Amino acid sequence: MRPAAAWALASLAICHPGCAARSEQAHRVLSQFREALTLSLTVPSNVVVGEDTRLRFRAQNSGRHAIDGCVGPSRNVRIIPEDDTQGNEPVSILEHVVDHPGCQQRLRLAPGAHFEWDETTRVPGIVRGFASLSVDVQIVDPRHCDRSRGCPEIMLTASAPIAIR
């Protein structure tokens, strides 16, 4: 057996129990995130096509334990028209997917605490009138990151009513 292959097999054998335990811990942490974190979104009531629109996010820990997480880089932003009788289907206006996410903004939340941050997006002139803006935000577990796979993650979704002009 070649030295490199032997080293790889030895590393795998050594890592297997530790990696499995780390994966199990990460799974428990993500389950805690899903149960305890809620995401809400506030946007201006009137949105102008083509202009930057401020998005105000709020992550709330409604669980019994502290949360140590991060806002990750992935986002999905959709417009869901209120009146879909004229063929207005949900419109994706931003899809930013990161396969190996890292930490963009740390959030350490005691039970009952919240974390707020702002982002911007532009609404294209595809849909006009009353709609709902729906955003998926990636939340990652920074304590179980891996150089090759990034951090374990979940997506939280929030939406808010808007009027597009």
N, C-alpha and C. Protein backbone atom coordinates (compact mmCIF):
# COMPACT_ATOMS: atom_id res chain seq x y z
N MET A 1 0.85 -1.17 0.00
CA MET A 1 0.00 0.00 0.00
C MET A 1 0.90 1.24 0.00
N ARG A 2 0.52 2.22 -0.77
CA ARG A 2 1.28 3.46 -0.84
C ARG A 2 1.15 4.23 0.48
N PRO A 3 2.20 5.00 0.83
CA PRO A 3 2.14 5.74 2.10
C PRO A 3 0.96 6.71 2.17
N ALA A 4 0.64 7.38 1.08
CA ALA A 4 -0.47 8.34 1.10
C ALA A 4 -1.80 7.63 1.33
N ALA A 5 -1.98 6.48 0.69
CA ALA A 5 -3.21 5.71 0.86
C ALA A 5 -3.32 5.18 2.28
N ALA A 6 -2.20 4.72 2.82
CA ALA A 6 -2.20 4.21 4.20
C ALA A 6 -2.54 5.33 5.18
N TRP A 7 -1.98 6.53 4.94
CA TRP A 7 -2.26 7.67 5.82
C TRP A 7 -3.75 8.03 5.75
N ALA A 8 -4.31 8.02 4.54
CA ALA A 8 -5.73 8.35 4.37
C ALA A 8 -6.61 7.36 5.10
N LEU A 9 -6.30 6.06 4.99
CA LEU A 9 -7.10 5.05 5.70
C LEU A 9 -6.94 5.18 7.20
N ALA A 10 -5.73 5.44 7.67
CA ALA A 10 -5.50 5.62 9.11
C ALA A 10 -6.25 6.84 9.61
N SER A 11 -6.24 7.93 8.85
CA SER A 11 -6.96 9.15 9.24
C SER A 11 -8.45 8.89 9.32
N LEU A 12 -8.97 8.16 8.34
CA LEU A 12 -10.39 7.83 8.32
C LEU A 12 -10.76 6.99 9.54
N ALA A 13 -9.92 5.99 9.86
CA ALA A 13 -10.19 5.12 11.00
C ALA A 13 -10.16 5.91 12.31
N ILE A 14 -9.22 6.85 12.41
CA ILE A 14 -9.12 7.66 13.62
C ILE A 14 -10.27 8.65 13.69
N CYS A 15 -10.60 9.26 12.57
CA CYS A 15 -11.62 10.30 12.54
C CYS A 15 -13.03 9.73 12.67
N HIS A 16 -13.26 8.51 12.21
CA HIS A 16 -14.61 7.98 12.14
C HIS A 16 -15.39 8.14 13.44
N PRO A 17 -14.89 7.65 14.59
CA PRO A 17 -15.68 7.82 15.82
C PRO A 17 -15.84 9.30 16.19
N GLY A 18 -14.77 10.08 16.06
CA GLY A 18 -14.85 11.50 16.39
C GLY A 18 -15.75 12.25 15.44
N CYS A 19 -15.65 11.95 14.15
CA CYS A 19 -16.48 12.62 13.15
C CYS A 19 -17.94 12.29 13.35
N ALA A 20 -18.23 11.02 13.67
CA ALA A 20 -19.62 10.62 13.90
C ALA A 20 -20.18 11.35 15.11
N ALA A 21 -19.39 11.46 16.18
CA ALA A 21 -19.85 12.17 17.38
C ALA A 21 -20.08 13.64 17.07
N ARG A 22 -19.17 14.24 16.29
CA ARG A 22 -19.31 15.66 15.92
C ARG A 22 -20.56 15.85 15.07
N SER A 23 -20.81 14.92 14.15
CA SER A 23 -22.00 15.00 13.30
C SER A 23 -23.28 14.88 14.14
N GLU A 24 -23.27 14.00 15.11
CA GLU A 24 -24.43 13.83 15.98
C GLU A 24 -24.67 15.08 16.82
N GLN A 25 -23.59 15.68 17.34
CA GLN A 25 -23.71 16.92 18.10
C GLN A 25 -24.26 18.03 17.22
N ALA A 26 -23.75 18.14 16.01
CA ALA A 26 -24.23 19.17 15.08
C ALA A 26 -25.71 18.97 14.78
N HIS A 27 -26.14 17.73 14.61
CA HIS A 27 -27.55 17.44 14.36
C HIS A 27 -28.41 17.91 15.53
N ARG A 28 -27.95 17.66 16.77
CA ARG A 28 -28.70 18.11 17.95
C ARG A 28 -28.78 19.63 18.00
N VAL A 29 -27.66 20.30 17.69
CA VAL A 29 -27.64 21.76 17.70
C VAL A 29 -28.61 22.31 16.67
N LEU A 30 -28.60 21.76 15.45
CA LEU A 30 -29.51 22.24 14.40
C LEU A 30 -30.97 21.99 14.78
N SER A 31 -31.25 20.87 15.45
CA SER A 31 -32.62 20.61 15.93
C SER A 31 -33.03 21.67 16.95
N GLN A 32 -32.09 22.04 17.83
CA GLN A 32 -32.36 23.09 18.81
C GLN A 32 -32.63 24.42 18.09
N PHE A 33 -31.84 24.73 17.07
CA PHE A 33 -32.06 25.95 16.29
C PHE A 33 -33.46 25.96 15.70
N ARG A 34 -33.86 24.83 15.07
CA ARG A 34 -35.18 24.75 14.42
C ARG A 34 -36.31 24.98 15.42
N GLU A 35 -36.16 24.39 16.62
CA GLU A 35 -37.22 24.50 17.63
C GLU A 35 -37.26 25.87 18.29
N ALA A 36 -36.11 26.50 18.49
CA ALA A 36 -36.05 27.71 19.31
C ALA A 36 -36.05 29.01 18.52
N LEU A 37 -35.52 29.02 17.31
CA LEU A 37 -35.37 30.26 16.57
C LEU A 37 -36.57 30.56 15.68
N THR A 38 -37.03 31.79 15.73
CA THR A 38 -38.03 32.26 14.78
C THR A 38 -37.45 33.48 14.08
N LEU A 39 -37.78 33.61 12.84
CA LEU A 39 -37.29 34.72 12.03
C LEU A 39 -38.48 35.58 11.61
N SER A 40 -38.34 36.88 11.78
CA SER A 40 -39.38 37.79 11.29
C SER A 40 -38.73 38.83 10.39
N LEU A 41 -39.56 39.44 9.56
CA LEU A 41 -39.09 40.37 8.54
C LEU A 41 -39.98 41.60 8.54
N THR A 42 -39.35 42.77 8.49
CA THR A 42 -40.06 44.03 8.35
C THR A 42 -39.53 44.74 7.11
N VAL A 43 -40.45 45.19 6.27
CA VAL A 43 -40.07 45.93 5.06
C VAL A 43 -40.97 47.16 4.96
N PRO A 44 -40.55 48.16 4.18
CA PRO A 44 -41.44 49.31 3.97
C PRO A 44 -42.74 48.82 3.33
N SER A 45 -43.86 49.46 3.67
CA SER A 45 -45.14 49.01 3.13
C SER A 45 -45.23 49.21 1.63
N ASN A 46 -44.57 50.25 1.10
CA ASN A 46 -44.55 50.49 -0.34
C ASN A 46 -43.14 50.27 -0.86
N VAL A 47 -43.03 49.43 -1.87
CA VAL A 47 -41.74 49.10 -2.48
C VAL A 47 -41.76 49.63 -3.91
N VAL A 48 -40.70 50.33 -4.28
CA VAL A 48 -40.60 50.90 -5.63
C VAL A 48 -39.71 50.01 -6.48
N VAL A 49 -40.23 49.64 -7.65
CA VAL A 49 -39.51 48.77 -8.57
C VAL A 49 -38.15 49.38 -8.91
N GLY A 50 -37.11 48.56 -8.83
CA GLY A 50 -35.77 48.97 -9.22
C GLY A 50 -34.97 49.72 -8.17
N GLU A 51 -35.59 50.10 -7.07
CA GLU A 51 -34.86 50.80 -6.01
C GLU A 51 -34.50 49.83 -4.90
N ASP A 52 -33.41 50.16 -4.17
CA ASP A 52 -33.04 49.33 -3.02
C ASP A 52 -34.15 49.36 -1.98
N THR A 53 -34.49 48.19 -1.47
CA THR A 53 -35.50 48.06 -0.43
C THR A 53 -34.83 47.50 0.82
N ARG A 54 -35.00 48.18 1.93
CA ARG A 54 -34.40 47.73 3.18
C ARG A 54 -35.20 46.58 3.77
N LEU A 55 -34.51 45.52 4.14
CA LEU A 55 -35.11 44.37 4.81
C LEU A 55 -34.57 44.37 6.24
N ARG A 56 -35.45 44.35 7.22
CA ARG A 56 -35.05 44.31 8.63
C ARG A 56 -35.42 42.94 9.17
N PHE A 57 -34.40 42.16 9.53
CA PHE A 57 -34.61 40.81 10.05
C PHE A 57 -34.48 40.80 11.57
N ARG A 58 -35.22 39.89 12.18
CA ARG A 58 -35.14 39.69 13.63
C ARG A 58 -35.18 38.19 13.91
N ALA A 59 -34.11 37.68 14.50
CA ALA A 59 -34.05 36.28 14.94
C ALA A 59 -34.33 36.27 16.44
N GLN A 60 -35.34 35.53 16.85
CA GLN A 60 -35.78 35.48 18.25
C GLN A 60 -35.54 34.08 18.81
N ASN A 61 -34.92 34.00 19.99
CA ASN A 61 -34.75 32.72 20.67
C ASN A 61 -35.92 32.54 21.63
N SER A 62 -36.86 31.69 21.25
CA SER A 62 -38.01 31.42 22.11
C SER A 62 -37.84 30.11 22.86
N GLY A 63 -36.62 29.57 22.85
CA GLY A 63 -36.33 28.32 23.55
C GLY A 63 -35.90 28.55 24.99
N ARG A 64 -35.55 27.44 25.65
CA ARG A 64 -35.13 27.49 27.06
C ARG A 64 -33.63 27.53 27.23
N HIS A 65 -32.87 27.38 26.13
CA HIS A 65 -31.42 27.35 26.19
C HIS A 65 -30.84 28.45 25.31
N ALA A 66 -29.62 28.85 25.65
CA ALA A 66 -28.92 29.86 24.85
C ALA A 66 -28.62 29.30 23.46
N ILE A 67 -28.59 30.17 22.47
CA ILE A 67 -28.27 29.81 21.09
C ILE A 67 -26.96 30.49 20.73
N ASP A 68 -26.02 29.70 20.19
CA ASP A 68 -24.77 30.23 19.68
C ASP A 68 -24.71 29.86 18.21
N GLY A 69 -25.03 30.80 17.35
CA GLY A 69 -25.09 30.53 15.92
C GLY A 69 -24.57 31.69 15.12
N CYS A 70 -24.74 31.59 13.82
CA CYS A 70 -24.31 32.65 12.90
C CYS A 70 -25.32 32.77 11.78
N VAL A 71 -25.41 33.98 11.27
CA VAL A 71 -26.14 34.20 10.02
C VAL A 71 -25.19 33.79 8.91
N GLY A 72 -25.63 32.89 8.05
CA GLY A 72 -24.81 32.42 6.94
C GLY A 72 -25.06 33.24 5.68
N PRO A 73 -24.35 32.93 4.61
CA PRO A 73 -24.43 33.74 3.39
C PRO A 73 -25.59 33.41 2.44
N SER A 74 -26.20 32.25 2.55
CA SER A 74 -27.24 31.86 1.58
C SER A 74 -28.56 32.59 1.81
N ARG A 75 -29.19 33.01 0.70
CA ARG A 75 -30.50 33.67 0.74
C ARG A 75 -31.33 33.22 -0.45
N ASN A 76 -32.62 33.14 -0.23
CA ASN A 76 -33.60 32.97 -1.31
C ASN A 76 -34.67 34.02 -1.05
N VAL A 77 -34.92 34.87 -2.05
CA VAL A 77 -35.92 35.92 -1.91
C VAL A 77 -36.96 35.73 -3.01
N ARG A 78 -38.24 35.70 -2.60
CA ARG A 78 -39.34 35.49 -3.53
C ARG A 78 -40.43 36.52 -3.31
N ILE A 79 -41.12 36.86 -4.38
CA ILE A 79 -42.33 37.67 -4.30
C ILE A 79 -43.49 36.75 -4.58
N ILE A 80 -44.48 36.77 -3.70
CA ILE A 80 -45.68 35.95 -3.88
C ILE A 80 -46.85 36.92 -4.06
N PRO A 81 -47.34 37.07 -5.30
CA PRO A 81 -48.44 38.01 -5.57
C PRO A 81 -49.69 37.64 -4.78
N GLU A 82 -50.40 38.65 -4.30
CA GLU A 82 -51.64 38.41 -3.56
C GLU A 82 -52.73 37.92 -4.50
N ASP A 83 -52.79 38.49 -5.69
CA ASP A 83 -53.81 38.12 -6.67
C ASP A 83 -53.16 37.28 -7.76
N ASP A 84 -53.31 35.97 -7.67
CA ASP A 84 -52.67 35.12 -8.68
C ASP A 84 -53.64 34.69 -9.77
N THR A 85 -54.78 35.38 -9.88
CA THR A 85 -55.76 35.01 -10.91
C THR A 85 -55.32 35.43 -12.30
N GLN A 86 -54.35 36.35 -12.40
CA GLN A 86 -53.89 36.80 -13.71
C GLN A 86 -52.58 36.12 -14.11
N GLY A 87 -52.34 34.95 -13.54
CA GLY A 87 -51.13 34.21 -13.90
C GLY A 87 -49.89 34.67 -13.17
N ASN A 88 -50.04 35.45 -12.14
CA ASN A 88 -48.89 35.88 -11.35
C ASN A 88 -48.44 34.74 -10.44
N GLU A 89 -47.37 34.09 -10.82
CA GLU A 89 -46.80 33.00 -10.03
C GLU A 89 -45.77 33.58 -9.08
N PRO A 90 -45.41 32.86 -8.01
CA PRO A 90 -44.30 33.32 -7.17
C PRO A 90 -43.06 33.56 -8.03
N VAL A 91 -42.38 34.66 -7.76
CA VAL A 91 -41.23 35.05 -8.56
C VAL A 91 -39.99 35.07 -7.67
N SER A 92 -38.98 34.30 -8.08
CA SER A 92 -37.71 34.32 -7.35
C SER A 92 -36.92 35.53 -7.83
N ILE A 93 -36.52 36.40 -6.89
CA ILE A 93 -35.76 37.58 -7.29
C ILE A 93 -34.30 37.50 -6.85
N LEU A 94 -33.98 36.53 -5.98
CA LEU A 94 -32.59 36.33 -5.58
C LEU A 94 -32.43 34.91 -5.07
N GLU A 95 -31.46 34.22 -5.61
CA GLU A 95 -31.07 32.91 -5.09
C GLU A 95 -29.57 32.91 -4.95
N HIS A 96 -29.13 32.95 -3.71
CA HIS A 96 -27.69 32.92 -3.43
C HIS A 96 -27.46 31.71 -2.53
N VAL A 97 -26.89 30.65 -3.10
CA VAL A 97 -26.69 29.41 -2.37
C VAL A 97 -25.20 29.17 -2.19
N VAL A 98 -24.80 28.92 -0.95
CA VAL A 98 -23.42 28.60 -0.62
C VAL A 98 -23.39 27.19 -0.07
N ASP A 99 -22.70 26.29 -0.78
CA ASP A 99 -22.65 24.88 -0.38
C ASP A 99 -21.87 24.63 0.90
N HIS A 100 -20.81 25.38 1.12
CA HIS A 100 -19.96 25.19 2.29
C HIS A 100 -19.98 26.48 3.11
N PRO A 101 -21.10 26.74 3.81
CA PRO A 101 -21.27 28.05 4.43
C PRO A 101 -20.34 28.28 5.62
N GLY A 102 -20.10 29.54 5.84
CA GLY A 102 -19.35 29.98 7.01
C GLY A 102 -20.19 30.98 7.78
N CYS A 103 -19.55 31.66 8.70
CA CYS A 103 -20.23 32.60 9.58
C CYS A 103 -20.07 34.02 9.07
N GLN A 104 -21.19 34.71 8.80
CA GLN A 104 -21.14 36.12 8.39
C GLN A 104 -21.35 37.05 9.57
N GLN A 105 -22.33 36.74 10.43
CA GLN A 105 -22.62 37.54 11.61
C GLN A 105 -22.93 36.59 12.75
N ARG A 106 -22.20 36.72 13.83
CA ARG A 106 -22.41 35.85 14.99
C ARG A 106 -23.65 36.30 15.75
N LEU A 107 -24.43 35.35 16.24
CA LEU A 107 -25.55 35.68 17.11
C LEU A 107 -25.53 34.75 18.31
N ARG A 108 -25.40 35.36 19.46
CA ARG A 108 -25.44 34.62 20.73
C ARG A 108 -26.66 35.13 21.47
N LEU A 109 -27.64 34.24 21.61
CA LEU A 109 -28.94 34.67 22.14
C LEU A 109 -29.30 33.89 23.40
N ALA A 110 -29.49 34.59 24.48
CA ALA A 110 -30.03 33.98 25.69
C ALA A 110 -31.51 33.67 25.44
N PRO A 111 -32.11 32.82 26.25
CA PRO A 111 -33.55 32.58 26.09
C PRO A 111 -34.33 33.89 26.15
N GLY A 112 -35.21 34.11 25.18
CA GLY A 112 -36.01 35.32 25.10
C GLY A 112 -35.33 36.48 24.39
N ALA A 113 -34.04 36.37 24.10
CA ALA A 113 -33.31 37.46 23.45
C ALA A 113 -33.51 37.42 21.94
N HIS A 114 -33.17 38.52 21.27
CA HIS A 114 -33.28 38.59 19.82
C HIS A 114 -32.06 39.30 19.24
N PHE A 115 -31.89 39.13 17.94
CA PHE A 115 -30.80 39.75 17.19
C PHE A 115 -31.41 40.34 15.93
N GLU A 116 -31.10 41.60 15.61
CA GLU A 116 -31.65 42.24 14.42
C GLU A 116 -30.53 42.69 13.50
N TRP A 117 -30.81 42.65 12.19
CA TRP A 117 -29.86 43.15 11.21
C TRP A 117 -30.60 43.58 9.96
N ASP A 118 -29.94 44.41 9.16
CA ASP A 118 -30.52 44.93 7.93
C ASP A 118 -29.80 44.38 6.71
N GLU A 119 -30.55 44.20 5.65
CA GLU A 119 -30.02 43.87 4.33
C GLU A 119 -30.85 44.64 3.32
N THR A 120 -30.42 44.65 2.07
CA THR A 120 -31.22 45.29 1.02
C THR A 120 -31.42 44.33 -0.14
N THR A 121 -32.48 44.58 -0.89
CA THR A 121 -32.74 43.84 -2.12
C THR A 121 -33.41 44.80 -3.10
N ARG A 122 -33.42 44.43 -4.37
CA ARG A 122 -34.14 45.20 -5.39
C ARG A 122 -35.26 44.35 -5.95
N VAL A 123 -36.40 44.96 -6.10
CA VAL A 123 -37.57 44.27 -6.64
C VAL A 123 -37.68 44.61 -8.12
N PRO A 124 -37.66 43.59 -8.98
CA PRO A 124 -37.80 43.86 -10.42
C PRO A 124 -39.25 44.20 -10.77
N GLY A 125 -39.45 44.76 -11.95
CA GLY A 125 -40.78 45.18 -12.39
C GLY A 125 -41.62 44.06 -12.97
N ILE A 126 -41.43 42.86 -12.52
CA ILE A 126 -42.18 41.70 -13.03
C ILE A 126 -43.58 41.66 -12.45
N VAL A 127 -43.71 42.01 -11.18
CA VAL A 127 -44.98 41.95 -10.47
C VAL A 127 -45.29 43.33 -9.90
N ARG A 128 -46.55 43.72 -9.96
CA ARG A 128 -46.97 44.98 -9.35
C ARG A 128 -48.22 44.72 -8.52
N GLY A 129 -48.43 45.60 -7.56
CA GLY A 129 -49.60 45.46 -6.70
C GLY A 129 -49.24 44.86 -5.36
N PHE A 130 -50.25 44.29 -4.70
CA PHE A 130 -50.05 43.72 -3.37
C PHE A 130 -49.44 42.33 -3.47
N ALA A 131 -48.48 42.09 -2.59
CA ALA A 131 -47.78 40.81 -2.60
C ALA A 131 -47.19 40.55 -1.23
N SER A 132 -46.52 39.43 -1.14
CA SER A 132 -45.78 39.08 0.06
C SER A 132 -44.34 38.85 -0.35
N LEU A 133 -43.41 39.38 0.42
CA LEU A 133 -41.99 39.16 0.18
C LEU A 133 -41.56 38.07 1.15
N SER A 134 -41.05 36.98 0.62
CA SER A 134 -40.63 35.83 1.43
C SER A 134 -39.13 35.64 1.29
N VAL A 135 -38.44 35.50 2.42
CA VAL A 135 -36.98 35.38 2.42
C VAL A 135 -36.55 34.19 3.26
N ASP A 136 -35.70 33.34 2.68
CA ASP A 136 -35.06 32.24 3.41
C ASP A 136 -33.67 32.73 3.80
N VAL A 137 -33.33 32.59 5.09
CA VAL A 137 -32.03 33.02 5.61
C VAL A 137 -31.33 31.80 6.20
N GLN A 138 -30.07 31.67 5.85
CA GLN A 138 -29.26 30.55 6.34
C GLN A 138 -28.73 30.87 7.75
N ILE A 139 -28.92 29.93 8.67
CA ILE A 139 -28.36 30.01 10.02
C ILE A 139 -27.41 28.83 10.17
N VAL A 140 -26.18 29.10 10.60
CA VAL A 140 -25.17 28.04 10.70
C VAL A 140 -24.73 27.84 12.13
N ASP A 141 -24.22 26.63 12.39
CA ASP A 141 -23.64 26.26 13.68
C ASP A 141 -22.13 26.43 13.58
N PRO A 142 -21.56 27.49 14.16
CA PRO A 142 -20.13 27.75 14.01
C PRO A 142 -19.24 26.82 14.82
N ARG A 143 -19.81 26.09 15.76
CA ARG A 143 -18.99 25.23 16.62
C ARG A 143 -18.66 23.89 15.99
N HIS A 144 -19.31 23.56 14.88
CA HIS A 144 -19.07 22.26 14.24
C HIS A 144 -18.68 22.43 12.77
N CYS A 145 -17.91 23.48 12.48
CA CYS A 145 -17.48 23.73 11.11
C CYS A 145 -16.33 22.80 10.73
N ASP A 146 -16.25 22.56 9.44
CA ASP A 146 -15.22 21.69 8.88
C ASP A 146 -14.66 22.39 7.65
N ARG A 147 -13.35 22.36 7.48
CA ARG A 147 -12.74 23.08 6.35
C ARG A 147 -13.26 22.61 5.00
N SER A 148 -13.56 21.33 4.87
CA SER A 148 -13.98 20.82 3.57
C SER A 148 -15.49 20.94 3.35
N ARG A 149 -16.28 20.93 4.42
CA ARG A 149 -17.74 20.95 4.26
C ARG A 149 -18.40 22.23 4.76
N GLY A 150 -17.65 23.11 5.39
CA GLY A 150 -18.25 24.31 5.94
C GLY A 150 -18.96 24.01 7.25
N CYS A 151 -19.95 24.80 7.57
CA CYS A 151 -20.68 24.69 8.83
C CYS A 151 -22.05 24.03 8.60
N PRO A 152 -22.52 23.23 9.56
CA PRO A 152 -23.89 22.69 9.46
C PRO A 152 -24.87 23.86 9.45
N GLU A 153 -25.95 23.72 8.68
CA GLU A 153 -26.86 24.85 8.49
C GLU A 153 -28.31 24.45 8.40
N ILE A 154 -29.17 25.43 8.69
CA ILE A 154 -30.61 25.32 8.45
C ILE A 154 -31.03 26.59 7.74
N MET A 155 -32.21 26.57 7.15
CA MET A 155 -32.79 27.76 6.54
C MET A 155 -34.05 28.13 7.33
N LEU A 156 -34.15 29.39 7.71
CA LEU A 156 -35.35 29.92 8.34
C LEU A 156 -36.03 30.85 7.34
N THR A 157 -37.36 30.88 7.37
CA THR A 157 -38.12 31.68 6.41
C THR A 157 -38.97 32.71 7.15
N ALA A 158 -39.00 33.90 6.58
CA ALA A 158 -39.86 34.97 7.09
C ALA A 158 -40.51 35.65 5.88
N SER A 159 -41.68 36.23 6.12
CA SER A 159 -42.34 36.96 5.02
C SER A 159 -43.05 38.19 5.58
N ALA A 160 -43.29 39.13 4.68
CA ALA A 160 -43.96 40.38 5.06
C ALA A 160 -44.77 40.87 3.87
N PRO A 161 -45.91 41.52 4.13
CA PRO A 161 -46.73 42.07 3.05
C PRO A 161 -46.07 43.33 2.46
N ILE A 162 -46.21 43.51 1.15
CA ILE A 162 -45.68 44.69 0.47
C ILE A 162 -46.65 45.14 -0.62
N ALA A 163 -46.53 46.39 -1.01
CA ALA A 163 -47.24 46.91 -2.18
C ALA A 163 -46.16 47.36 -3.15
N ILE A 164 -46.14 46.77 -4.34
CA ILE A 164 -45.10 47.06 -5.32
C ILE A 164 -45.62 48.10 -6.30
N ARG A 165 -44.87 49.20 -6.46
CA ARG A 165 -45.26 50.26 -7.40
C ARG A 165 -44.29 50.34 -8.54
